[in-house]
Amino acid sequence: MIQLEQKTAPQIAEAVSARVRKRRKEHQFTQEELAERAGMSFASYKRFEQKHEIAFDSLVKVAIALGCEKDFDALFASPFFSSIEELIQSEKS
């Protein structure tokens, strides 16, 4: 079930590409420079910024090129609790 505040996949992809673009500009890299540093084609990188489409391994390479690879450590790291009781029980053990 999708909750009202839950983002859609396209919204998440757009937000990620916007954050990557911001990091790229902070490093003062052009799109071409970042694509080269990430070992991907310029066209693929440009498509990511414009259409928010990228293969996962390419996204990891972009993160490494920007020094952000540790950001992936947080993906799926938080356990899922379906109730407050599960959370309390987890903290007890």
PDB file of N, CA and C in Angstrom:
ATOM      1  N   MET A   1       0.846  -1.182   0.000  1.00  0.00           N
ATOM      2  CA  MET A   1       0.000   0.000   0.000  1.00  0.00           C
ATOM      3  C   MET A   1       0.891   1.244   0.000  1.00  0.00           C
ATOM      4  N   ILE A   2       0.611   2.179  -0.854  1.00  0.00           N
ATOM      5  CA  ILE A   2       1.370   3.423  -0.918  1.00  0.00           C
ATOM      6  C   ILE A   2       0.735   4.435   0.032  1.00  0.00           C
ATOM      7  N   GLN A   3       1.567   4.972   0.909  1.00  0.00           N
ATOM      8  CA  GLN A   3       1.085   5.999   1.824  1.00  0.00           C
ATOM      9  C   GLN A   3       1.115   7.347   1.109  1.00  0.00           C
ATOM     10  N   LEU A   4       0.322   8.278   1.584  1.00  0.00           N
ATOM     11  CA  LEU A   4       0.219   9.579   0.920  1.00  0.00           C
ATOM     12  C   LEU A   4       1.547  10.313   0.852  1.00  0.00           C
ATOM     13  N   GLU A   5       2.372  10.190   1.880  1.00  0.00           N
ATOM     14  CA  GLU A   5       3.640  10.909   1.884  1.00  0.00           C
ATOM     15  C   GLU A   5       4.753  10.140   1.177  1.00  0.00           C
ATOM     16  N   GLN A   6       4.462   8.913   0.742  1.00  0.00           N
ATOM     17  CA  GLN A   6       5.459   8.089   0.080  1.00  0.00           C
ATOM     18  C   GLN A   6       5.731   8.614  -1.332  1.00  0.00           C
ATOM     19  N   LYS A   7       7.007   8.714  -1.671  1.00  0.00           N
ATOM     20  CA  LYS A   7       7.384   9.167  -3.007  1.00  0.00           C
ATOM     21  C   LYS A   7       7.307   8.012  -3.996  1.00  0.00           C
ATOM     22  N   THR A   8       7.110   8.347  -5.246  1.00  0.00           N
ATOM     23  CA  THR A   8       7.111   7.349  -6.309  1.00  0.00           C
ATOM     24  C   THR A   8       8.539   7.109  -6.778  1.00  0.00           C
ATOM     25  N   ALA A   9       8.745   6.027  -7.509  1.00  0.00           N
ATOM     26  CA  ALA A   9      10.069   5.716  -8.042  1.00  0.00           C
ATOM     27  C   ALA A   9      10.611   6.859  -8.917  1.00  0.00           C
ATOM     28  N   PRO A  10       9.818   7.427  -9.822  1.00  0.00           N
ATOM     29  CA  PRO A  10      10.343   8.544 -10.614  1.00  0.00           C
ATOM     30  C   PRO A  10      10.721   9.762  -9.766  1.00  0.00           C
ATOM     31  N   GLN A  11       9.967  10.025  -8.706  1.00  0.00           N
ATOM     32  CA  GLN A  11      10.307  11.156  -7.829  1.00  0.00           C
ATOM     33  C   GLN A  11      11.624  10.907  -7.102  1.00  0.00           C
ATOM     34  N   ILE A  12      11.842   9.685  -6.662  1.00  0.00           N
ATOM     35  CA  ILE A  12      13.096   9.352  -5.976  1.00  0.00           C
ATOM     36  C   ILE A  12      14.254   9.450  -6.954  1.00  0.00           C
ATOM     37  N   ALA A  13      14.094   8.925  -8.157  1.00  0.00           N
ATOM     38  CA  ALA A  13      15.151   8.990  -9.169  1.00  0.00           C
ATOM     39  C   ALA A  13      15.497  10.433  -9.497  1.00  0.00           C
ATOM     40  N   GLU A  14      14.495  11.278  -9.609  1.00  0.00           N
ATOM     41  CA  GLU A  14      14.734  12.690  -9.897  1.00  0.00           C
ATOM     42  C   GLU A  14      15.493  13.362  -8.751  1.00  0.00           C
ATOM     43  N   ALA A  15      15.117  13.045  -7.515  1.00  0.00           N
ATOM     44  CA  ALA A  15      15.789  13.637  -6.358  1.00  0.00           C
ATOM     45  C   ALA A  15      17.246  13.186  -6.270  1.00  0.00           C
ATOM     46  N   VAL A  16      17.496  11.907  -6.559  1.00  0.00           N
ATOM     47  CA  VAL A  16      18.871  11.401  -6.531  1.00  0.00           C
ATOM     48  C   VAL A  16      19.709  12.083  -7.606  1.00  0.00           C
ATOM     49  N   SER A  17      19.182  12.198  -8.803  1.00  0.00           N
ATOM     50  CA  SER A  17      19.959  12.834  -9.874  1.00  0.00           C
ATOM     51  C   SER A  17      20.205  14.300  -9.563  1.00  0.00           C
ATOM     52  N   ALA A  18      19.274  14.959  -8.915  1.00  0.00           N
ATOM     53  CA  ALA A  18      19.481  16.363  -8.533  1.00  0.00           C
ATOM     54  C   ALA A  18      20.594  16.479  -7.485  1.00  0.00           C
ATOM     55  N   ARG A  19      20.633  15.539  -6.534  1.00  0.00           N
ATOM     56  CA  ARG A  19      21.704  15.567  -5.524  1.00  0.00           C
ATOM     57  C   ARG A  19      23.056  15.288  -6.156  1.00  0.00           C
ATOM     58  N   VAL A  20      23.094  14.355  -7.108  1.00  0.00           N
ATOM     59  CA  VAL A  20      24.350  14.057  -7.804  1.00  0.00           C
ATOM     60  C   VAL A  20      24.811  15.283  -8.583  1.00  0.00           C
ATOM     61  N   ARG A  21      23.886  15.930  -9.282  1.00  0.00           N
ATOM     62  CA  ARG A  21      24.229  17.141 -10.041  1.00  0.00           C
ATOM     63  C   ARG A  21      24.823  18.196  -9.104  1.00  0.00           C
ATOM     64  N   LYS A  22      24.212  18.355  -7.928  1.00  0.00           N
ATOM     65  CA  LYS A  22      24.705  19.331  -6.947  1.00  0.00           C
ATOM     66  C   LYS A  22      26.125  18.977  -6.506  1.00  0.00           C
ATOM     67  N   ARG A  23      26.375  17.706  -6.206  1.00  0.00           N
ATOM     68  CA  ARG A  23      27.729  17.282  -5.806  1.00  0.00           C
ATOM     69  C   ARG A  23      28.721  17.504  -6.942  1.00  0.00           C
ATOM     70  N   ARG A  24      28.295  17.191  -8.175  1.00  0.00           N
ATOM     71  CA  ARG A  24      29.178  17.393  -9.337  1.00  0.00           C
ATOM     72  C   ARG A  24      29.596  18.852  -9.433  1.00  0.00           C
ATOM     73  N   LYS A  25      28.642  19.744  -9.250  1.00  0.00           N
ATOM     74  CA  LYS A  25      28.940  21.173  -9.343  1.00  0.00           C
ATOM     75  C   LYS A  25      29.804  21.642  -8.174  1.00  0.00           C
ATOM     76  N   GLU A  26      29.591  21.058  -6.990  1.00  0.00           N
ATOM     77  CA  GLU A  26      30.443  21.396  -5.841  1.00  0.00           C
ATOM     78  C   GLU A  26      31.900  21.036  -6.125  1.00  0.00           C
ATOM     79  N   HIS A  27      32.108  19.920  -6.840  1.00  0.00           N
ATOM     80  CA  HIS A  27      33.463  19.502  -7.208  1.00  0.00           C
ATOM     81  C   HIS A  27      33.973  20.239  -8.445  1.00  0.00           C
ATOM     82  N   GLN A  28      33.115  21.063  -9.014  1.00  0.00           N
ATOM     83  CA  GLN A  28      33.426  21.828 -10.225  1.00  0.00           C
ATOM     84  C   GLN A  28      33.792  20.932 -11.403  1.00  0.00           C
ATOM     85  N   PHE A  29      33.068  19.790 -11.504  1.00  0.00           N
ATOM     86  CA  PHE A  29      33.230  18.891 -12.636  1.00  0.00           C
ATOM     87  C   PHE A  29      32.170  19.215 -13.676  1.00  0.00           C
ATOM     88  N   THR A  30      32.548  19.136 -14.935  1.00  0.00           N
ATOM     89  CA  THR A  30      31.550  19.182 -15.997  1.00  0.00           C
ATOM     90  C   THR A  30      30.918  17.791 -16.080  1.00  0.00           C
ATOM     91  N   GLN A  31      29.835  17.693 -16.818  1.00  0.00           N
ATOM     92  CA  GLN A  31      29.230  16.376 -17.031  1.00  0.00           C
ATOM     93  C   GLN A  31      30.230  15.435 -17.696  1.00  0.00           C
ATOM     94  N   GLU A  32      30.963  15.958 -18.662  1.00  0.00           N
ATOM     95  CA  GLU A  32      31.960  15.143 -19.368  1.00  0.00           C
ATOM     96  C   GLU A  32      33.046  14.652 -18.418  1.00  0.00           C
ATOM     97  N   GLU A  33      33.523  15.527 -17.546  1.00  0.00           N
ATOM     98  CA  GLU A  33      34.581  15.142 -16.607  1.00  0.00           C
ATOM     99  C   GLU A  33      34.103  14.055 -15.638  1.00  0.00           C
ATOM    100  N   LEU A  34      32.902  14.213 -15.118  1.00  0.00           N
ATOM    101  CA  LEU A  34      32.405  13.218 -14.184  1.00  0.00           C
ATOM    102  C   LEU A  34      32.164  11.889 -14.886  1.00  0.00           C
ATOM    103  N   ALA A  35      31.622  11.935 -16.087  1.00  0.00           N
ATOM    104  CA  ALA A  35      31.416  10.700 -16.841  1.00  0.00           C
ATOM    105  C   ALA A  35      32.742   9.981 -17.045  1.00  0.00           C
ATOM    106  N   GLU A  36      33.773  10.705 -17.401  1.00  0.00           N
ATOM    107  CA  GLU A  36      35.089  10.105 -17.608  1.00  0.00           C
ATOM    108  C   GLU A  36      35.635   9.525 -16.302  1.00  0.00           C
ATOM    109  N   ARG A  37      35.529  10.265 -15.214  1.00  0.00           N
ATOM    110  CA  ARG A  37      36.002   9.784 -13.912  1.00  0.00           C
ATOM    111  C   ARG A  37      35.246   8.541 -13.458  1.00  0.00           C
ATOM    112  N   ALA A  38      33.979   8.454 -13.843  1.00  0.00           N
ATOM    113  CA  ALA A  38      33.149   7.306 -13.462  1.00  0.00           C
ATOM    114  C   ALA A  38      33.281   6.141 -14.445  1.00  0.00           C
ATOM    115  N   GLY A  39      33.986   6.363 -15.540  1.00  0.00           N
ATOM    116  CA  GLY A  39      34.172   5.300 -16.528  1.00  0.00           C
ATOM    117  C   GLY A  39      32.912   4.964 -17.299  1.00  0.00           C
ATOM    118  N   MET A  40      32.146   5.997 -17.604  1.00  0.00           N
ATOM    119  CA  MET A  40      30.924   5.781 -18.373  1.00  0.00           C
ATOM    120  C   MET A  40      30.881   6.788 -19.512  1.00  0.00           C
ATOM    121  N   SER A  41      30.005   6.546 -20.452  1.00  0.00           N
ATOM    122  CA  SER A  41      29.917   7.467 -21.584  1.00  0.00           C
ATOM    123  C   SER A  41      29.246   8.773 -21.144  1.00  0.00           C
ATOM    124  N   PHE A  42      29.595   9.824 -21.850  1.00  0.00           N
ATOM    125  CA  PHE A  42      28.979  11.124 -21.586  1.00  0.00           C
ATOM    126  C   PHE A  42      27.472  11.048 -21.811  1.00  0.00           C
ATOM    127  N   ALA A  43      27.058  10.343 -22.868  1.00  0.00           N
ATOM    128  CA  ALA A  43      25.630  10.230 -23.183  1.00  0.00           C
ATOM    129  C   ALA A  43      24.864   9.558 -22.040  1.00  0.00           C
ATOM    130  N   SER A  44      25.464   8.533 -21.453  1.00  0.00           N
ATOM    131  CA  SER A  44      24.804   7.843 -20.335  1.00  0.00           C
ATOM    132  C   SER A  44      24.673   8.762 -19.132  1.00  0.00           C
ATOM    133  N   TYR A  45      25.742   9.517 -18.853  1.00  0.00           N
ATOM    134  CA  TYR A  45      25.678  10.422 -17.701  1.00  0.00           C
ATOM    135  C   TYR A  45      24.660  11.541 -17.957  1.00  0.00           C
ATOM    136  N   LYS A  46      24.676  12.079 -19.155  1.00  0.00           N
ATOM    137  CA  LYS A  46      23.739  13.151 -19.505  1.00  0.00           C
ATOM    138  C   LYS A  46      22.291  12.665 -19.376  1.00  0.00           C
ATOM    139  N   ARG A  47      22.031  11.424 -19.811  1.00  0.00           N
ATOM    140  CA  ARG A  47      20.694  10.844 -19.685  1.00  0.00           C
ATOM    141  C   ARG A  47      20.291  10.760 -18.207  1.00  0.00           C
ATOM    142  N   PHE A  48      21.249  10.441 -17.333  1.00  0.00           N
ATOM    143  CA  PHE A  48      20.965  10.372 -15.904  1.00  0.00           C
ATOM    144  C   PHE A  48      20.510  11.727 -15.369  1.00  0.00           C
ATOM    145  N   GLU A  49      21.226  12.781 -15.705  1.00  0.00           N
ATOM    146  CA  GLU A  49      20.841  14.099 -15.204  1.00  0.00           C
ATOM    147  C   GLU A  49      19.536  14.593 -15.833  1.00  0.00           C
ATOM    148  N   GLN A  50      19.295  14.253 -17.082  1.00  0.00           N
ATOM    149  CA  GLN A  50      18.104  14.757 -17.761  1.00  0.00           C
ATOM    150  C   GLN A  50      16.864  13.887 -17.562  1.00  0.00           C
ATOM    151  N   LYS A  51      17.047  12.573 -17.663  1.00  0.00           N
ATOM    152  CA  LYS A  51      15.894  11.662 -17.614  1.00  0.00           C
ATOM    153  C   LYS A  51      15.876  10.802 -16.357  1.00  0.00           C
ATOM    154  N   HIS A  52      16.913  10.946 -15.523  1.00  0.00           N
ATOM    155  CA  HIS A  52      17.011  10.246 -14.244  1.00  0.00           C
ATOM    156  C   HIS A  52      17.102   8.732 -14.419  1.00  0.00           C
ATOM    157  N   GLU A  53      17.713   8.291 -15.500  1.00  0.00           N
ATOM    158  CA  GLU A  53      17.859   6.863 -15.793  1.00  0.00           C
ATOM    159  C   GLU A  53      19.333   6.495 -15.736  1.00  0.00           C
ATOM    160  N   ILE A  54      19.649   5.434 -14.945  1.00  0.00           N
ATOM    161  CA  ILE A  54      21.035   5.002 -14.824  1.00  0.00           C
ATOM    162  C   ILE A  54      21.059   3.566 -14.323  1.00  0.00           C
ATOM    163  N   ALA A  55      22.022   2.799 -14.789  1.00  0.00           N
ATOM    164  CA  ALA A  55      22.216   1.444 -14.283  1.00  0.00           C
ATOM    165  C   ALA A  55      22.812   1.551 -12.877  1.00  0.00           C
ATOM    166  N   PHE A  56      22.462   0.607 -12.023  1.00  0.00           N
ATOM    167  CA  PHE A  56      22.927   0.672 -10.637  1.00  0.00           C
ATOM    168  C   PHE A  56      24.450   0.693 -10.552  1.00  0.00           C
ATOM    169  N   ASP A  57      25.138  -0.149 -11.319  1.00  0.00           N
ATOM    170  CA  ASP A  57      26.596  -0.162 -11.244  1.00  0.00           C
ATOM    171  C   ASP A  57      27.186   1.172 -11.706  1.00  0.00           C
ATOM    172  N   SER A  58      26.545   1.832 -12.645  1.00  0.00           N
ATOM    173  CA  SER A  58      27.009   3.160 -13.071  1.00  0.00           C
ATOM    174  C   SER A  58      26.780   4.188 -11.973  1.00  0.00           C
ATOM    175  N   LEU A  59      25.674   4.079 -11.266  1.00  0.00           N
ATOM    176  CA  LEU A  59      25.412   4.991 -10.146  1.00  0.00           C
ATOM    177  C   LEU A  59      26.466   4.810  -9.064  1.00  0.00           C
ATOM    178  N   VAL A  60      26.852   3.572  -8.807  1.00  0.00           N
ATOM    179  CA  VAL A  60      27.909   3.313  -7.820  1.00  0.00           C
ATOM    180  C   VAL A  60      29.218   3.940  -8.287  1.00  0.00           C
ATOM    181  N   LYS A  61      29.541   3.819  -9.555  1.00  0.00           N
ATOM    182  CA  LYS A  61      30.769   4.419 -10.099  1.00  0.00           C
ATOM    183  C   LYS A  61      30.738   5.941  -9.978  1.00  0.00           C
ATOM    184  N   VAL A  62      29.595   6.540 -10.217  1.00  0.00           N
ATOM    185  CA  VAL A  62      29.452   7.991 -10.066  1.00  0.00           C
ATOM    186  C   VAL A  62      29.672   8.368  -8.608  1.00  0.00           C
ATOM    187  N   ALA A  63      29.091   7.603  -7.700  1.00  0.00           N
ATOM    188  CA  ALA A  63      29.263   7.875  -6.269  1.00  0.00           C
ATOM    189  C   ALA A  63      30.734   7.787  -5.877  1.00  0.00           C
ATOM    190  N   ILE A  64      31.436   6.783  -6.379  1.00  0.00           N
ATOM    191  CA  ILE A  64      32.869   6.643  -6.083  1.00  0.00           C
ATOM    192  C   ILE A  64      33.638   7.838  -6.625  1.00  0.00           C
ATOM    193  N   ALA A  65      33.323   8.255  -7.848  1.00  0.00           N
ATOM    194  CA  ALA A  65      34.006   9.398  -8.463  1.00  0.00           C
ATOM    195  C   ALA A  65      33.792  10.686  -7.667  1.00  0.00           C
ATOM    196  N   LEU A  66      32.655  10.764  -6.968  1.00  0.00           N
ATOM    197  CA  LEU A  66      32.348  11.957  -6.170  1.00  0.00           C
ATOM    198  C   LEU A  66      32.744  11.790  -4.698  1.00  0.00           C
ATOM    199  N   GLY A  67      33.288  10.617  -4.344  1.00  0.00           N
ATOM    200  CA  GLY A  67      33.663  10.363  -2.958  1.00  0.00           C
ATOM    201  C   GLY A  67      32.464  10.139  -2.047  1.00  0.00           C
ATOM    202  N   CYS A  68      31.365   9.662  -2.607  1.00  0.00           N
ATOM    203  CA  CYS A  68      30.120   9.468  -1.848  1.00  0.00           C
ATOM    204  C   CYS A  68      29.728   8.004  -1.730  1.00  0.00           C
ATOM    205  N   GLU A  69      30.665   7.094  -1.964  1.00  0.00           N
ATOM    206  CA  GLU A  69      30.307   5.673  -1.964  1.00  0.00           C
ATOM    207  C   GLU A  69      29.785   5.176  -0.617  1.00  0.00           C
ATOM    208  N   LYS A  70      30.170   5.826   0.467  1.00  0.00           N
ATOM    209  CA  LYS A  70      29.687   5.398   1.784  1.00  0.00           C
ATOM    210  C   LYS A  70      28.200   5.695   1.966  1.00  0.00           C
ATOM    211  N   ASP A  71      27.638   6.547   1.137  1.00  0.00           N
ATOM    212  CA  ASP A  71      26.199   6.831   1.211  1.00  0.00           C
ATOM    213  C   ASP A  71      25.372   5.575   0.951  1.00  0.00           C
ATOM    214  N   PHE A  72      25.942   4.616   0.226  1.00  0.00           N
ATOM    215  CA  PHE A  72      25.214   3.382  -0.052  1.00  0.00           C
ATOM    216  C   PHE A  72      25.087   2.497   1.183  1.00  0.00           C
ATOM    217  N   ASP A  73      25.924   2.722   2.198  1.00  0.00           N
ATOM    218  CA  ASP A  73      25.852   1.918   3.414  1.00  0.00           C
ATOM    219  C   ASP A  73      24.504   2.044   4.112  1.00  0.00           C
ATOM    220  N   ALA A  74      23.828   3.160   3.939  1.00  0.00           N
ATOM    221  CA  ALA A  74      22.547   3.383   4.615  1.00  0.00           C
ATOM    222  C   ALA A  74      21.363   2.723   3.895  1.00  0.00           C
ATOM    223  N   LEU A  75      21.554   2.330   2.638  1.00  0.00           N
ATOM    224  CA  LEU A  75      20.455   1.709   1.896  1.00  0.00           C
ATOM    225  C   LEU A  75      20.037   0.402   2.554  1.00  0.00           C
ATOM    226  N   PHE A  76      18.796   0.296   2.876  1.00  0.00           N
ATOM    227  CA  PHE A  76      18.197  -0.909   3.449  1.00  0.00           C
ATOM    228  C   PHE A  76      18.841  -1.336   4.763  1.00  0.00           C
ATOM    229  N   ALA A  77      19.544  -0.433   5.435  1.00  0.00           N
ATOM    230  CA  ALA A  77      20.229  -0.778   6.681  1.00  0.00           C
ATOM    231  C   ALA A  77      19.290  -0.768   7.881  1.00  0.00           C
ATOM    232  N   SER A  78      18.270   0.048   7.849  1.00  0.00           N
ATOM    233  CA  SER A  78      17.346   0.136   8.977  1.00  0.00           C
ATOM    234  C   SER A  78      16.369  -1.030   8.953  1.00  0.00           C
ATOM    235  N   PRO A  79      16.216  -1.694  10.088  1.00  0.00           N
ATOM    236  CA  PRO A  79      15.270  -2.812  10.119  1.00  0.00           C
ATOM    237  C   PRO A  79      13.833  -2.320  10.016  1.00  0.00           C
ATOM    238  N   PHE A  80      12.967  -3.182   9.523  1.00  0.00           N
ATOM    239  CA  PHE A  80      11.550  -2.869   9.392  1.00  0.00           C
ATOM    240  C   PHE A  80      10.808  -3.388  10.611  1.00  0.00           C
ATOM    241  N   PHE A  81      10.009  -2.550  11.226  1.00  0.00           N
ATOM    242  CA  PHE A  81       9.171  -2.948  12.345  1.00  0.00           C
ATOM    243  C   PHE A  81       7.728  -2.668  11.965  1.00  0.00           C
ATOM    244  N   SER A  82       6.875  -3.667  12.140  1.00  0.00           N
ATOM    245  CA  SER A  82       5.469  -3.468  11.806  1.00  0.00           C
ATOM    246  C   SER A  82       4.662  -2.963  12.989  1.00  0.00           C
ATOM    247  N   SER A  83       5.295  -2.927  14.163  1.00  0.00           N
ATOM    248  CA  SER A  83       4.595  -2.413  15.341  1.00  0.00           C
ATOM    249  C   SER A  83       5.604  -1.869  16.341  1.00  0.00           C
ATOM    250  N   ILE A  84       5.109  -1.067  17.259  1.00  0.00           N
ATOM    251  CA  ILE A  84       5.962  -0.529  18.313  1.00  0.00           C
ATOM    252  C   ILE A  84       6.455  -1.655  19.214  1.00  0.00           C
ATOM    253  N   GLU A  85       5.653  -2.713  19.357  1.00  0.00           N
ATOM    254  CA  GLU A  85       6.055  -3.847  20.167  1.00  0.00           C
ATOM    255  C   GLU A  85       7.281  -4.537  19.579  1.00  0.00           C
ATOM    256  N   GLU A  86       7.313  -4.680  18.262  1.00  0.00           N
ATOM    257  CA  GLU A  86       8.482  -5.270  17.602  1.00  0.00           C
ATOM    258  C   GLU A  86       9.729  -4.424  17.840  1.00  0.00           C
ATOM    259  N   LEU A  87       9.590  -3.123  17.772  1.00  0.00           N
ATOM    260  CA  LEU A  87      10.709  -2.227  18.026  1.00  0.00           C
ATOM    261  C   LEU A  87      11.209  -2.374  19.453  1.00  0.00           C
ATOM    262  N   ILE A  88      10.304  -2.401  20.417  1.00  0.00           N
ATOM    263  CA  ILE A  88      10.685  -2.527  21.824  1.00  0.00           C
ATOM    264  C   ILE A  88      11.364  -3.874  22.057  1.00  0.00           C
ATOM    265  N   GLN A  89      10.809  -4.942  21.491  1.00  0.00           N
ATOM    266  CA  GLN A  89      11.398  -6.265  21.649  1.00  0.00           C
ATOM    267  C   GLN A  89      12.797  -6.320  21.040  1.00  0.00           C
ATOM    268  N   SER A  90      12.972  -5.678  19.894  1.00  0.00           N
ATOM    269  CA  SER A  90      14.272  -5.642  19.236  1.00  0.00           C
ATOM    270  C   SER A  90      15.310  -4.937  20.107  1.00  0.00           C
ATOM    271  N   GLU A  91      14.912  -3.870  20.759  1.00  0.00           N
ATOM    272  CA  GLU A  91      15.849  -3.108  21.596  1.00  0.00           C
ATOM    273  C   GLU A  91      16.185  -3.851  22.889  1.00  0.00           C
ATOM    274  N   LYS A  92      15.296  -4.738  23.341  1.00  0.00           N
ATOM    275  CA  LYS A  92      15.557  -5.530  24.533  1.00  0.00           C
ATOM    276  C   LYS A  92      16.564  -6.632  24.275  1.00  0.00           C
ATOM    277  N   SER A  93      16.582  -7.139  23.044  1.00  0.00           N
ATOM    278  CA  SER A  93      17.473  -8.263  22.744  1.00  0.00           C
ATOM    279  C   SER A  93      18.797  -7.844  22.182  1.00  0.00           C
TER     280      SER A  93
END
